[in-house]
Amino acid sequence: MGASMQAYSVDARALGRMIGSADRKLLDGLLNELAVELDHLDVAAKAWGELASARNALTAMILEPNYAAGIPELSNDAAIYIYVFKMLCDHYGTSLDSGAYTMSSDWLATVEEELDAAGVCCEPNEYFAGATELPLPRAFPFPIAGCIEFEAMAEMHEEMEQALSADVDSDVLETVGELSEWASECLKERRDLVWFFF
């Protein structure tokens, strides 16, 4: 089914305000609170040949208003910034379990096809394809990040709940059920859904 996904219930607008805020106190606090996670990310980043360190990426993201302008887009050099943003989602948000399977755009398209064949109109892929952009560069080929805003959560939850009665494969229903749970969690916390494909 392709790339795996991880999602978070998090206030994406609040995170966006941190980026380029030049808030030195915020940066110092994060460098201290996330020291272990930053070290682990640096070890992983070396394996894919990343040039920037996680600390340098976090520093640039917070202190430099136009940090993304200096990052080559559509390259592996951009990945460290996306993983640092994911770290912020871990820190400030709630991780949403993606289950024991992978959830790629190809798989979500398959889910739509299966539901459509069963006479159920449910388009989970559209929520991800139409996601709001985050203040991040683009990496190639992965990771990819996006945001489904809180305002779409009620519609998404209702659509997924209605599809749960469809006579389709259990893997399809598992995906629909998980997406419904994600939307429910975001509604409960009044937060956006930020997702990452790896």
N, C-alpha and C. Protein backbone atom coordinates (compact mmCIF):
# COMPACT_ATOMS: atom_id res chain seq x y z
N MET A 1 0.80 -1.20 0.00
CA MET A 1 0.00 0.00 0.00
C MET A 1 0.84 1.26 0.00
N GLY A 2 2.17 1.12 -0.03
CA GLY A 2 3.01 2.30 -0.20
C GLY A 2 3.47 2.93 1.09
N ALA A 3 3.60 4.25 1.03
CA ALA A 3 4.16 5.00 2.15
C ALA A 3 3.27 4.93 3.37
N SER A 4 3.89 5.02 4.54
CA SER A 4 3.12 5.02 5.77
C SER A 4 2.79 6.46 6.17
N MET A 5 1.79 6.59 7.02
CA MET A 5 1.35 7.90 7.46
C MET A 5 1.37 7.99 8.98
N GLN A 6 1.69 9.17 9.47
CA GLN A 6 1.50 9.46 10.89
C GLN A 6 0.75 10.78 10.98
N ALA A 7 -0.20 10.84 11.90
CA ALA A 7 -1.04 12.03 12.00
C ALA A 7 -1.11 12.51 13.44
N TYR A 8 -1.42 13.80 13.58
CA TYR A 8 -1.50 14.44 14.89
C TYR A 8 -2.71 15.34 14.98
N SER A 9 -3.30 15.38 16.14
CA SER A 9 -4.27 16.41 16.48
C SER A 9 -3.48 17.54 17.13
N VAL A 10 -3.42 18.68 16.45
CA VAL A 10 -2.55 19.76 16.92
C VAL A 10 -3.06 21.10 16.39
N ASP A 11 -2.77 22.15 17.10
CA ASP A 11 -3.14 23.50 16.65
C ASP A 11 -2.10 23.97 15.64
N ALA A 12 -2.38 23.75 14.37
CA ALA A 12 -1.41 24.08 13.32
C ALA A 12 -1.17 25.58 13.23
N ARG A 13 -2.17 26.38 13.54
CA ARG A 13 -2.01 27.83 13.48
C ARG A 13 -1.02 28.30 14.55
N ALA A 14 -1.12 27.70 15.73
CA ALA A 14 -0.20 28.05 16.82
C ALA A 14 1.23 27.68 16.45
N LEU A 15 1.41 26.50 15.85
CA LEU A 15 2.75 26.10 15.41
C LEU A 15 3.24 27.05 14.32
N GLY A 16 2.36 27.44 13.42
CA GLY A 16 2.73 28.35 12.35
C GLY A 16 3.21 29.70 12.88
N ARG A 17 2.61 30.13 13.98
CA ARG A 17 3.04 31.41 14.57
C ARG A 17 4.42 31.30 15.21
N MET A 18 4.83 30.11 15.59
CA MET A 18 6.17 29.93 16.16
C MET A 18 7.23 30.06 15.07
N ILE A 19 6.90 29.60 13.87
CA ILE A 19 7.86 29.61 12.77
C ILE A 19 8.13 31.06 12.35
N GLY A 20 9.41 31.44 12.39
CA GLY A 20 9.79 32.80 12.03
C GLY A 20 9.46 33.84 13.07
N SER A 21 9.15 33.40 14.30
CA SER A 21 8.74 34.34 15.35
C SER A 21 9.90 35.11 15.96
N ALA A 22 11.13 34.62 15.74
CA ALA A 22 12.34 35.22 16.34
C ALA A 22 12.26 35.24 17.87
N ASP A 23 11.52 34.28 18.42
CA ASP A 23 11.34 34.18 19.87
C ASP A 23 12.48 33.35 20.46
N ARG A 24 13.50 34.02 20.94
CA ARG A 24 14.69 33.34 21.48
C ARG A 24 14.35 32.51 22.71
N LYS A 25 13.46 33.02 23.56
CA LYS A 25 13.07 32.27 24.76
C LYS A 25 12.38 30.96 24.37
N LEU A 26 11.51 31.02 23.38
CA LEU A 26 10.84 29.81 22.89
C LEU A 26 11.88 28.83 22.37
N LEU A 27 12.81 29.31 21.56
CA LEU A 27 13.83 28.44 20.99
C LEU A 27 14.67 27.78 22.08
N ASP A 28 15.14 28.57 23.04
CA ASP A 28 15.97 28.01 24.11
C ASP A 28 15.21 26.94 24.89
N GLY A 29 13.93 27.19 25.14
CA GLY A 29 13.12 26.20 25.85
C GLY A 29 12.99 24.91 25.07
N LEU A 30 12.75 25.03 23.76
CA LEU A 30 12.60 23.83 22.93
C LEU A 30 13.92 23.07 22.80
N LEU A 31 15.03 23.79 22.65
CA LEU A 31 16.33 23.13 22.55
C LEU A 31 16.62 22.32 23.81
N ASN A 32 16.17 22.82 24.94
CA ASN A 32 16.37 22.12 26.21
C ASN A 32 15.39 20.95 26.35
N GLU A 33 14.10 21.21 26.10
CA GLU A 33 13.06 20.19 26.31
C GLU A 33 13.16 19.05 25.30
N LEU A 34 13.65 19.33 24.11
CA LEU A 34 13.69 18.33 23.05
C LEU A 34 15.10 17.82 22.78
N ALA A 35 16.01 18.01 23.73
CA ALA A 35 17.42 17.67 23.51
C ALA A 35 17.60 16.21 23.09
N VAL A 36 16.95 15.28 23.78
CA VAL A 36 17.11 13.85 23.47
C VAL A 36 16.54 13.54 22.09
N GLU A 37 15.35 14.08 21.79
CA GLU A 37 14.73 13.84 20.49
C GLU A 37 15.57 14.42 19.35
N LEU A 38 16.16 15.59 19.58
CA LEU A 38 17.01 16.21 18.56
C LEU A 38 18.25 15.36 18.30
N ASP A 39 18.82 14.80 19.36
CA ASP A 39 19.98 13.92 19.20
C ASP A 39 19.62 12.69 18.37
N HIS A 40 18.47 12.09 18.66
CA HIS A 40 18.04 10.89 17.94
C HIS A 40 17.79 11.22 16.47
N LEU A 41 17.20 12.38 16.22
CA LEU A 41 16.94 12.77 14.84
C LEU A 41 18.24 12.99 14.08
N ASP A 42 19.24 13.57 14.73
CA ASP A 42 20.53 13.78 14.07
C ASP A 42 21.17 12.46 13.66
N VAL A 43 21.06 11.44 14.52
CA VAL A 43 21.62 10.13 14.20
C VAL A 43 20.92 9.55 12.97
N ALA A 44 19.60 9.65 12.95
CA ALA A 44 18.84 9.14 11.81
C ALA A 44 19.14 9.93 10.54
N ALA A 45 19.26 11.26 10.68
CA ALA A 45 19.47 12.12 9.51
C ALA A 45 20.81 11.85 8.84
N LYS A 46 21.80 11.48 9.62
CA LYS A 46 23.11 11.17 9.04
C LYS A 46 23.02 9.98 8.09
N ALA A 47 22.11 9.07 8.38
CA ALA A 47 21.96 7.87 7.55
C ALA A 47 21.46 8.21 6.15
N TRP A 48 20.70 9.29 6.00
CA TRP A 48 20.24 9.66 4.66
C TRP A 48 21.04 10.83 4.10
N GLY A 49 22.17 11.16 4.74
CA GLY A 49 23.09 12.15 4.20
C GLY A 49 22.67 13.59 4.40
N GLU A 50 21.88 13.85 5.44
CA GLU A 50 21.42 15.21 5.72
C GLU A 50 22.59 16.09 6.14
N LEU A 51 22.66 17.29 5.61
CA LEU A 51 23.76 18.21 5.94
C LEU A 51 23.45 19.05 7.16
N ALA A 52 22.22 19.53 7.28
CA ALA A 52 21.84 20.37 8.42
C ALA A 52 21.55 19.51 9.63
N SER A 53 21.91 20.01 10.82
CA SER A 53 21.58 19.29 12.05
C SER A 53 20.16 19.67 12.47
N ALA A 54 19.57 18.82 13.31
CA ALA A 54 18.21 19.09 13.78
C ALA A 54 18.16 20.39 14.58
N ARG A 55 19.19 20.64 15.39
CA ARG A 55 19.22 21.89 16.18
C ARG A 55 19.32 23.12 15.27
N ASN A 56 20.16 23.02 14.24
CA ASN A 56 20.27 24.15 13.31
C ASN A 56 18.96 24.38 12.56
N ALA A 57 18.29 23.28 12.20
CA ALA A 57 17.01 23.41 11.51
C ALA A 57 15.98 24.07 12.41
N LEU A 58 15.89 23.62 13.67
CA LEU A 58 14.94 24.21 14.61
C LEU A 58 15.26 25.68 14.84
N THR A 59 16.54 26.00 14.97
CA THR A 59 16.95 27.39 15.18
C THR A 59 16.54 28.26 14.01
N ALA A 60 16.79 27.77 12.81
CA ALA A 60 16.42 28.54 11.62
C ALA A 60 14.92 28.72 11.53
N MET A 61 14.18 27.67 11.84
CA MET A 61 12.72 27.74 11.75
C MET A 61 12.14 28.79 12.70
N ILE A 62 12.69 28.88 13.88
CA ILE A 62 12.16 29.82 14.88
C ILE A 62 12.69 31.23 14.67
N LEU A 63 13.98 31.37 14.39
CA LEU A 63 14.60 32.70 14.39
C LEU A 63 14.57 33.41 13.05
N GLU A 64 14.53 32.67 11.95
CA GLU A 64 14.63 33.31 10.64
C GLU A 64 13.25 33.40 9.97
N PRO A 65 12.75 34.61 9.76
CA PRO A 65 11.40 34.77 9.18
C PRO A 65 11.25 34.09 7.82
N ASN A 66 12.31 34.06 7.03
CA ASN A 66 12.23 33.48 5.68
C ASN A 66 13.13 32.25 5.55
N TYR A 67 13.12 31.42 6.59
CA TYR A 67 14.06 30.30 6.62
C TYR A 67 13.88 29.38 5.41
N ALA A 68 12.64 29.17 4.98
CA ALA A 68 12.39 28.22 3.89
C ALA A 68 13.00 28.67 2.57
N ALA A 69 13.25 29.98 2.44
CA ALA A 69 13.81 30.49 1.18
C ALA A 69 15.22 29.98 0.95
N GLY A 70 15.91 29.58 2.03
CA GLY A 70 17.27 29.10 1.89
C GLY A 70 17.40 27.59 1.80
N ILE A 71 16.27 26.90 1.76
CA ILE A 71 16.29 25.44 1.72
C ILE A 71 15.96 24.97 0.31
N PRO A 72 16.82 24.14 -0.27
CA PRO A 72 16.51 23.63 -1.62
C PRO A 72 15.23 22.79 -1.59
N GLU A 73 14.25 23.17 -2.40
CA GLU A 73 13.01 22.40 -2.44
C GLU A 73 13.17 21.17 -3.32
N LEU A 74 12.27 20.22 -3.11
CA LEU A 74 12.30 18.95 -3.85
C LEU A 74 13.66 18.26 -3.75
N SER A 75 14.22 18.27 -2.55
CA SER A 75 15.50 17.60 -2.33
C SER A 75 15.50 16.98 -0.95
N ASN A 76 16.41 16.06 -0.73
CA ASN A 76 16.52 15.43 0.58
C ASN A 76 16.97 16.42 1.64
N ASP A 77 17.59 17.53 1.23
CA ASP A 77 18.06 18.51 2.19
C ASP A 77 16.92 19.16 2.95
N ALA A 78 15.72 19.08 2.41
CA ALA A 78 14.56 19.69 3.06
C ALA A 78 13.96 18.79 4.15
N ALA A 79 14.30 17.52 4.13
CA ALA A 79 13.63 16.56 5.01
C ALA A 79 13.80 16.86 6.49
N ILE A 80 14.99 17.31 6.87
CA ILE A 80 15.25 17.54 8.29
C ILE A 80 14.27 18.56 8.88
N TYR A 81 13.90 19.56 8.08
CA TYR A 81 12.97 20.59 8.57
C TYR A 81 11.57 20.01 8.78
N ILE A 82 11.19 19.09 7.91
CA ILE A 82 9.88 18.46 8.06
C ILE A 82 9.86 17.56 9.28
N TYR A 83 10.95 16.83 9.52
CA TYR A 83 11.01 15.98 10.71
C TYR A 83 11.06 16.81 11.99
N VAL A 84 11.70 17.97 11.95
CA VAL A 84 11.71 18.84 13.13
C VAL A 84 10.29 19.36 13.39
N PHE A 85 9.56 19.71 12.32
CA PHE A 85 8.17 20.15 12.50
C PHE A 85 7.33 19.02 13.08
N LYS A 86 7.58 17.79 12.62
CA LYS A 86 6.88 16.63 13.18
C LYS A 86 7.19 16.51 14.68
N MET A 87 8.43 16.79 15.04
CA MET A 87 8.81 16.76 16.45
C MET A 87 7.99 17.77 17.26
N LEU A 88 7.76 18.94 16.67
CA LEU A 88 6.93 19.95 17.33
C LEU A 88 5.49 19.46 17.49
N CYS A 89 5.01 18.72 16.49
CA CYS A 89 3.67 18.15 16.59
C CYS A 89 3.63 17.12 17.72
N ASP A 90 4.68 16.32 17.84
CA ASP A 90 4.78 15.36 18.95
C ASP A 90 4.74 16.09 20.29
N HIS A 91 5.42 17.24 20.34
CA HIS A 91 5.57 17.97 21.59
C HIS A 91 4.29 18.70 21.99
N TYR A 92 3.62 19.30 21.03
CA TYR A 92 2.48 20.15 21.33
C TYR A 92 1.12 19.50 21.03
N GLY A 93 1.13 18.38 20.31
CA GLY A 93 -0.13 17.77 19.90
C GLY A 93 -0.33 16.38 20.45
N THR A 94 -1.30 15.69 19.90
CA THR A 94 -1.63 14.32 20.28
C THR A 94 -1.40 13.42 19.07
N SER A 95 -0.58 12.40 19.24
CA SER A 95 -0.33 11.47 18.14
C SER A 95 -1.57 10.62 17.92
N LEU A 96 -1.97 10.46 16.67
CA LEU A 96 -3.11 9.64 16.31
C LEU A 96 -2.59 8.32 15.73
N ASP A 97 -2.94 7.22 16.34
CA ASP A 97 -2.42 5.91 15.96
C ASP A 97 -2.80 5.60 14.53
N SER A 98 -1.83 5.21 13.71
CA SER A 98 -2.12 4.88 12.31
C SER A 98 -2.33 3.38 12.11
N GLY A 99 -2.42 2.62 13.19
CA GLY A 99 -2.71 1.19 13.07
C GLY A 99 -1.52 0.38 12.59
N ALA A 100 -1.78 -0.86 12.27
CA ALA A 100 -0.72 -1.79 11.89
C ALA A 100 -0.49 -1.82 10.38
N TYR A 101 -1.19 -0.96 9.64
CA TYR A 101 -1.06 -0.95 8.19
C TYR A 101 -0.55 0.40 7.72
N THR A 102 -0.15 0.47 6.47
CA THR A 102 0.26 1.76 5.91
C THR A 102 -0.93 2.42 5.24
N MET A 103 -0.90 3.74 5.14
CA MET A 103 -2.02 4.47 4.57
C MET A 103 -1.49 5.49 3.58
N SER A 104 -1.35 5.08 2.34
CA SER A 104 -0.84 5.97 1.31
C SER A 104 -1.99 6.58 0.52
N SER A 105 -1.66 7.55 -0.35
CA SER A 105 -2.70 8.13 -1.19
C SER A 105 -3.27 7.07 -2.14
N ASP A 106 -2.43 6.14 -2.60
CA ASP A 106 -2.90 5.05 -3.45
C ASP A 106 -3.91 4.18 -2.71
N TRP A 107 -3.60 3.91 -1.44
CA TRP A 107 -4.52 3.08 -0.65
C TRP A 107 -5.83 3.83 -0.40
N LEU A 108 -5.75 5.12 -0.10
CA LEU A 108 -6.97 5.89 0.12
C LEU A 108 -7.83 5.94 -1.14
N ALA A 109 -7.18 5.99 -2.30
CA ALA A 109 -7.92 5.95 -3.57
C ALA A 109 -8.61 4.60 -3.73
N THR A 110 -7.93 3.53 -3.31
CA THR A 110 -8.53 2.20 -3.35
C THR A 110 -9.74 2.13 -2.43
N VAL A 111 -9.61 2.73 -1.25
CA VAL A 111 -10.73 2.77 -0.31
C VAL A 111 -11.93 3.45 -0.96
N GLU A 112 -11.69 4.58 -1.62
CA GLU A 112 -12.77 5.30 -2.30
C GLU A 112 -13.43 4.43 -3.37
N GLU A 113 -12.61 3.72 -4.15
CA GLU A 113 -13.13 2.87 -5.22
C GLU A 113 -13.99 1.74 -4.66
N GLU A 114 -13.51 1.12 -3.57
CA GLU A 114 -14.26 0.03 -2.96
C GLU A 114 -15.60 0.52 -2.41
N LEU A 115 -15.59 1.68 -1.79
CA LEU A 115 -16.82 2.23 -1.23
C LEU A 115 -17.79 2.63 -2.34
N ASP A 116 -17.23 3.22 -3.40
CA ASP A 116 -18.07 3.62 -4.52
C ASP A 116 -18.74 2.41 -5.17
N ALA A 117 -17.98 1.32 -5.30
CA ALA A 117 -18.52 0.09 -5.88
C ALA A 117 -19.64 -0.48 -5.02
N ALA A 118 -19.58 -0.17 -3.70
CA ALA A 118 -20.63 -0.64 -2.78
C ALA A 118 -21.77 0.37 -2.68
N GLY A 119 -21.71 1.43 -3.50
CA GLY A 119 -22.77 2.42 -3.51
C GLY A 119 -22.68 3.45 -2.41
N VAL A 120 -21.48 3.62 -1.84
CA VAL A 120 -21.29 4.58 -0.75
C VAL A 120 -20.39 5.71 -1.23
N CYS A 121 -20.86 6.94 -1.12
CA CYS A 121 -20.06 8.10 -1.50
C CYS A 121 -19.22 8.54 -0.31
N CYS A 122 -17.95 8.24 -0.36
CA CYS A 122 -17.02 8.60 0.71
C CYS A 122 -15.65 8.81 0.06
N GLU A 123 -15.07 9.98 0.24
CA GLU A 123 -13.84 10.33 -0.45
C GLU A 123 -12.74 10.78 0.52
N PRO A 124 -12.19 9.85 1.28
CA PRO A 124 -11.16 10.23 2.25
C PRO A 124 -9.93 10.86 1.61
N ASN A 125 -9.59 10.41 0.41
CA ASN A 125 -8.38 10.94 -0.25
C ASN A 125 -8.50 12.44 -0.53
N GLU A 126 -9.74 12.91 -0.74
CA GLU A 126 -9.94 14.33 -1.05
C GLU A 126 -9.53 15.22 0.11
N TYR A 127 -9.71 14.76 1.33
CA TYR A 127 -9.32 15.57 2.48
C TYR A 127 -7.81 15.77 2.54
N PHE A 128 -7.07 14.73 2.15
CA PHE A 128 -5.61 14.83 2.18
C PHE A 128 -5.09 15.55 0.94
N ALA A 129 -5.69 15.29 -0.21
CA ALA A 129 -5.26 15.95 -1.44
C ALA A 129 -5.50 17.45 -1.38
N GLY A 130 -6.55 17.87 -0.68
CA GLY A 130 -6.86 19.30 -0.57
C GLY A 130 -6.35 19.93 0.70
N ALA A 131 -5.36 19.30 1.32
CA ALA A 131 -4.87 19.78 2.61
C ALA A 131 -4.22 21.16 2.50
N THR A 132 -4.29 21.89 3.60
CA THR A 132 -3.65 23.20 3.71
C THR A 132 -2.13 23.02 3.81
N GLU A 133 -1.39 23.85 3.12
CA GLU A 133 0.08 23.76 3.18
C GLU A 133 0.59 24.25 4.54
N LEU A 134 1.67 23.67 4.96
CA LEU A 134 2.33 24.06 6.21
C LEU A 134 3.57 24.89 5.87
N PRO A 135 4.10 25.64 6.85
CA PRO A 135 5.29 26.46 6.59
C PRO A 135 6.55 25.61 6.49
N LEU A 136 6.58 24.77 5.44
CA LEU A 136 7.67 23.81 5.28
C LEU A 136 8.11 23.75 3.83
N PRO A 137 9.38 23.40 3.62
CA PRO A 137 9.85 23.14 2.25
C PRO A 137 9.31 21.80 1.78
N ARG A 138 9.48 21.51 0.51
CA ARG A 138 9.08 20.21 -0.02
C ARG A 138 10.31 19.32 -0.15
N ALA A 139 10.17 18.09 0.30
CA ALA A 139 11.27 17.13 0.20
C ALA A 139 10.96 16.16 -0.94
N PHE A 140 12.00 15.49 -1.44
CA PHE A 140 11.79 14.52 -2.51
C PHE A 140 12.45 13.20 -2.15
N PRO A 141 11.77 12.07 -2.27
CA PRO A 141 10.33 11.97 -2.55
C PRO A 141 9.48 12.09 -1.29
N PHE A 142 10.07 11.81 -0.14
CA PHE A 142 9.39 11.89 1.14
C PHE A 142 10.32 12.55 2.14
N PRO A 143 9.82 13.03 3.25
CA PRO A 143 8.44 13.01 3.73
C PRO A 143 7.59 14.12 3.11
N ILE A 144 6.28 13.93 3.18
CA ILE A 144 5.31 14.91 2.72
C ILE A 144 4.42 15.25 3.90
N ALA A 145 4.11 16.51 4.07
CA ALA A 145 3.28 16.94 5.20
C ALA A 145 2.14 17.82 4.73
N GLY A 146 1.05 17.80 5.49
CA GLY A 146 -0.08 18.66 5.17
C GLY A 146 -0.99 18.79 6.37
N CYS A 147 -2.02 19.60 6.22
CA CYS A 147 -2.91 19.89 7.34
C CYS A 147 -4.37 19.90 6.86
N ILE A 148 -5.22 19.15 7.53
CA ILE A 148 -6.66 19.25 7.33
C ILE A 148 -7.18 20.10 8.49
N GLU A 149 -7.73 21.26 8.17
CA GLU A 149 -8.09 22.21 9.21
C GLU A 149 -9.29 21.75 10.03
N PHE A 150 -9.36 22.26 11.24
CA PHE A 150 -10.42 21.89 12.18
C PHE A 150 -11.81 22.07 11.57
N GLU A 151 -11.96 23.10 10.77
CA GLU A 151 -13.27 23.40 10.18
C GLU A 151 -13.82 22.26 9.33
N ALA A 152 -12.93 21.37 8.84
CA ALA A 152 -13.37 20.24 8.02
C ALA A 152 -13.64 18.98 8.83
N MET A 153 -13.35 19.00 10.12
CA MET A 153 -13.41 17.78 10.92
C MET A 153 -14.82 17.22 11.07
N ALA A 154 -15.82 18.07 11.28
CA ALA A 154 -17.18 17.57 11.47
C ALA A 154 -17.68 16.87 10.22
N GLU A 155 -17.43 17.47 9.06
CA GLU A 155 -17.83 16.87 7.79
C GLU A 155 -17.11 15.55 7.57
N MET A 156 -15.80 15.54 7.83
CA MET A 156 -15.01 14.32 7.64
C MET A 156 -15.51 13.22 8.57
N HIS A 157 -15.78 13.56 9.81
CA HIS A 157 -16.24 12.56 10.78
C HIS A 157 -17.58 11.98 10.35
N GLU A 158 -18.50 12.83 9.94
CA GLU A 158 -19.83 12.36 9.52
C GLU A 158 -19.73 11.46 8.29
N GLU A 159 -18.89 11.85 7.34
CA GLU A 159 -18.73 11.07 6.12
C GLU A 159 -18.15 9.69 6.42
N MET A 160 -17.16 9.62 7.29
CA MET A 160 -16.54 8.34 7.63
C MET A 160 -17.51 7.46 8.42
N GLU A 161 -18.25 8.07 9.35
CA GLU A 161 -19.20 7.30 10.15
C GLU A 161 -20.27 6.66 9.28
N GLN A 162 -20.76 7.39 8.31
CA GLN A 162 -21.80 6.86 7.42
C GLN A 162 -21.28 5.71 6.58
N ALA A 163 -19.96 5.74 6.28
CA ALA A 163 -19.38 4.69 5.43
C ALA A 163 -19.09 3.41 6.20
N LEU A 164 -19.13 3.46 7.52
CA LEU A 164 -18.77 2.29 8.32
C LEU A 164 -19.75 1.13 8.17
N SER A 165 -20.94 1.41 7.65
CA SER A 165 -21.92 0.33 7.47
C SER A 165 -21.82 -0.32 6.09
N ALA A 166 -20.86 0.11 5.28
CA ALA A 166 -20.73 -0.41 3.92
C ALA A 166 -20.30 -1.88 3.92
N ASP A 167 -20.76 -2.61 2.93
CA ASP A 167 -20.39 -4.01 2.77
C ASP A 167 -19.14 -4.09 1.92
N VAL A 168 -18.00 -3.87 2.56
CA VAL A 168 -16.71 -3.86 1.87
C VAL A 168 -15.68 -4.63 2.68
N ASP A 169 -14.50 -4.76 2.12
CA ASP A 169 -13.40 -5.48 2.76
C ASP A 169 -13.08 -4.90 4.14
N SER A 170 -12.66 -5.74 5.06
CA SER A 170 -12.39 -5.30 6.44
C SER A 170 -11.26 -4.29 6.51
N ASP A 171 -10.26 -4.38 5.59
CA ASP A 171 -9.17 -3.42 5.58
C ASP A 171 -9.68 -2.02 5.23
N VAL A 172 -10.65 -1.96 4.32
CA VAL A 172 -11.25 -0.68 3.94
C VAL A 172 -11.98 -0.08 5.13
N LEU A 173 -12.78 -0.92 5.81
CA LEU A 173 -13.52 -0.43 6.98
C LEU A 173 -12.58 -0.02 8.11
N GLU A 174 -11.46 -0.72 8.23
CA GLU A 174 -10.48 -0.35 9.27
C GLU A 174 -9.94 1.05 9.01
N THR A 175 -9.65 1.34 7.75
CA THR A 175 -9.14 2.66 7.40
C THR A 175 -10.20 3.73 7.66
N VAL A 176 -11.43 3.47 7.21
CA VAL A 176 -12.52 4.43 7.41
C VAL A 176 -12.74 4.67 8.91
N GLY A 177 -12.70 3.58 9.69
CA GLY A 177 -12.88 3.72 11.13
C GLY A 177 -11.78 4.53 11.77
N GLU A 178 -10.55 4.32 11.32
CA GLU A 178 -9.44 5.07 11.88
C GLU A 178 -9.55 6.56 11.56
N LEU A 179 -9.91 6.86 10.31
CA LEU A 179 -10.07 8.26 9.92
C LEU A 179 -11.20 8.92 10.71
N SER A 180 -12.25 8.17 10.96
CA SER A 180 -13.34 8.69 11.79
C SER A 180 -12.85 9.01 13.20
N GLU A 181 -12.03 8.12 13.75
CA GLU A 181 -11.48 8.34 15.09
C GLU A 181 -10.55 9.55 15.11
N TRP A 182 -9.76 9.73 14.05
CA TRP A 182 -8.88 10.90 13.97
C TRP A 182 -9.70 12.18 14.00
N ALA A 183 -10.75 12.20 13.17
CA ALA A 183 -11.60 13.40 13.11
C ALA A 183 -12.28 13.63 14.45
N SER A 184 -12.72 12.56 15.10
CA SER A 184 -13.37 12.68 16.41
C SER A 184 -12.43 13.28 17.45
N GLU A 185 -11.17 12.82 17.43
CA GLU A 185 -10.18 13.34 18.38
C GLU A 185 -9.92 14.82 18.13
N CYS A 186 -9.81 15.21 16.86
CA CYS A 186 -9.58 16.62 16.54
C CYS A 186 -10.78 17.47 16.95
N LEU A 187 -11.98 16.95 16.76
CA LEU A 187 -13.18 17.67 17.18
C LEU A 187 -13.20 17.86 18.69
N LYS A 188 -12.84 16.80 19.40
CA LYS A 188 -12.84 16.85 20.86
C LYS A 188 -11.83 17.88 21.37
N GLU A 189 -10.66 17.93 20.74
CA GLU A 189 -9.61 18.84 21.18
C GLU A 189 -9.67 20.20 20.48
N ARG A 190 -10.60 20.33 19.51
CA ARG A 190 -10.72 21.56 18.72
C ARG A 190 -9.38 21.92 18.07
N ARG A 191 -8.83 20.92 17.40
CA ARG A 191 -7.52 21.08 16.75
C ARG A 191 -7.58 20.63 15.30
N ASP A 192 -6.52 20.98 14.57
CA ASP A 192 -6.38 20.55 13.19
C ASP A 192 -5.76 19.16 13.15
N LEU A 193 -5.82 18.55 11.97
CA LEU A 193 -5.19 17.24 11.76
C LEU A 193 -3.97 17.47 10.85
N VAL A 194 -2.79 17.31 11.41
CA VAL A 194 -1.55 17.45 10.65
C VAL A 194 -1.02 16.05 10.36
N TRP A 195 -0.71 15.79 9.09
CA TRP A 195 -0.29 14.45 8.70
C TRP A 195 1.05 14.47 7.98
N PHE A 196 1.72 13.34 8.06
CA PHE A 196 3.02 13.15 7.41
C PHE A 196 3.00 11.80 6.69
N PHE A 197 3.38 11.82 5.40
CA PHE A 197 3.62 10.58 4.65
C PHE A 197 5.13 10.36 4.60
N PHE A 198 5.55 9.11 4.85
CA PHE A 198 6.97 8.76 4.83
C PHE A 198 7.26 7.75 3.73
